[in-house]
Amino acid sequence: MNRAKGKRGLNRRPGKGAIDQCWLTLRKAADSGDVIAAAKLIELDYMLSVSHERQEVRA
């Protein structure tokens, strides 16, 4: 599939507020016993830690 030219922001990282809101929503669901939300929370944590490590290497 070809990339759409001229459309900026399609692959842009979400803002800190959006990430925090997603984190809180998943955390509440995981605390209620939702296993899928717990898995997504782990996945989000991993993605953020890998992203943070890449930023440290670039600096």
Protein backbone atom coordinates (compact mmCIF):
# COMPACT_ATOMS: atom_id res chain seq x y z
CA MET A 1 0.00 0.00 0.00
CA ASN A 2 1.41 3.37 -1.02
CA ARG A 3 1.65 6.22 1.40
CA ALA A 4 -0.68 9.14 0.84
CA LYS A 5 1.45 12.10 -0.16
CA GLY A 6 0.76 15.50 1.29
CA LYS A 7 -1.10 14.27 4.36
CA ARG A 8 1.00 15.15 7.34
CA GLY A 9 0.39 13.84 10.80
CA LEU A 10 -0.94 10.41 9.93
CA ASN A 11 1.97 8.66 11.62
CA ARG A 12 2.59 11.29 14.25
CA ARG A 13 2.88 10.20 17.87
CA PRO A 14 -0.13 11.11 20.02
CA GLY A 15 0.29 13.90 22.54
CA LYS A 16 1.13 13.39 26.20
CA GLY A 17 -2.45 14.19 27.25
CA ALA A 18 -3.90 11.54 24.94
CA ILE A 19 -1.40 8.95 26.17
CA ASP A 20 -2.16 9.82 29.80
CA GLN A 21 -5.91 9.54 29.19
CA CYS A 22 -5.50 6.17 27.50
CA TRP A 23 -3.27 5.02 30.37
CA LEU A 24 -5.89 6.01 32.97
CA THR A 25 -8.72 4.33 31.08
CA LEU A 26 -6.77 1.10 30.70
CA ARG A 27 -5.63 1.23 34.33
CA LYS A 28 -9.21 1.54 35.62
CA ALA A 29 -10.37 -1.35 33.43
CA ALA A 30 -7.40 -3.51 34.47
CA ASP A 31 -8.09 -2.77 38.14
CA SER A 32 -11.66 -3.96 37.57
CA GLY A 33 -10.36 -7.30 36.32
CA ASP A 34 -10.30 -6.78 32.55
CA VAL A 35 -7.50 -9.04 31.29
CA ILE A 36 -7.43 -7.52 27.79
CA ALA A 37 -7.04 -4.02 29.25
CA ALA A 38 -4.18 -5.30 31.41
CA ALA A 39 -2.47 -6.71 28.31
CA LYS A 40 -2.95 -3.42 26.46
CA LEU A 41 -1.53 -1.56 29.46
CA ILE A 42 1.59 -3.74 29.37
CA GLU A 43 1.88 -3.18 25.62
CA LEU A 44 1.54 0.60 26.04
CA ASP A 45 4.16 0.60 28.80
CA TYR A 46 6.56 -1.35 26.58
CA MET A 47 6.02 0.95 23.59
CA LEU A 48 6.61 4.04 25.70
CA SER A 49 9.77 2.61 27.28
CA VAL A 50 11.20 1.66 23.87
CA SER A 51 10.34 5.11 22.53
CA HIS A 52 12.01 6.74 25.53
CA GLU A 53 15.17 4.64 25.05
CA ARG A 54 15.37 5.67 21.39
CA GLN A 55 15.12 9.34 22.35
CA GLU A 56 17.98 8.93 24.85
CA VAL A 57 20.19 7.30 22.20
CA ARG A 58 19.57 10.16 19.77
CA ALA A 59 20.46 12.81 22.36
